Amino acid sequence: MSIIIYQTSVSPPARSALMVVNILGIKVETREVNLPRRDHYSQEYLEKNPLHTVPILEEDDLVIADSHAIITYLVSKYGEEKHESMYPKDLKIRAIIDQMLYFDATILFPRLKTVIYSVVRGQGISREQTADIQEAYDVLEIYLSKNIFVAGNEFTVADISCIATLSSLDCVLPVDKKHVNVNRWWATLNKEKWYKEVNVPGLELFRSFIKQFL
């Protein structure tokens, strides 16, 4: 039984999956998906994931093509007792974590994706896009004004998803100092081994890529 993760480290969702792998200390095979070469549009890839997105997790006959589903699956299956708080069995706590995973999936990441497409196409960042990103920062600030982490006072998989996206958004539109709690939360996470070993290298690649269009 082996786990294969198709990924590219410039991708925030791929980084979130690999950060969880790092935390859990599990062995996986990673396969680089070359986006400029359009590997994700190959027939083989599309058979696994018709949405042609990264990452994909493949384990025997199981294929998961969403980073949020991947990280909850990995923690649920391979997490040890010390990882329990990352995605607890308690349904009420899990619902709050899921809520913040959906916040990343429906608010943070779509706003990053939209602005990347705009910038790469030479259209720049519109006022509406700027306002949307600032609104996302404002909402995250409210969540973090009540808790240490995004889904409560324990570190969870939702923090991993959100920080992968937020740190990438910051490359396009920096998080303002007024977002005190967002910056405090980020400063806490960026001290961690998994953040330094996985997110930082991928984030630098993303920053270099996007910088050429700004």
Foldseek 3Di string as FASTA:
>chain_A
DAKEKEDDLLDLLQLLLVLLCVVLVDDHHYHYQDVVVPSLPDPVNCVLPVVSDDIWMDDPPDIDHGSVVNSVVCCVPRNDPVQCLQQHPPPVLNVLLVVLVVCLVPQQPVLVVVQLVCLVVLNHADPVSVVSNVVSLVVQLVCQVVALANRHPDHYSSRSSVLSRLLLVCLRPNDDVVSVRVVNSNVVVCVDPSCVVRRVVSSVVNSVVSVVRD
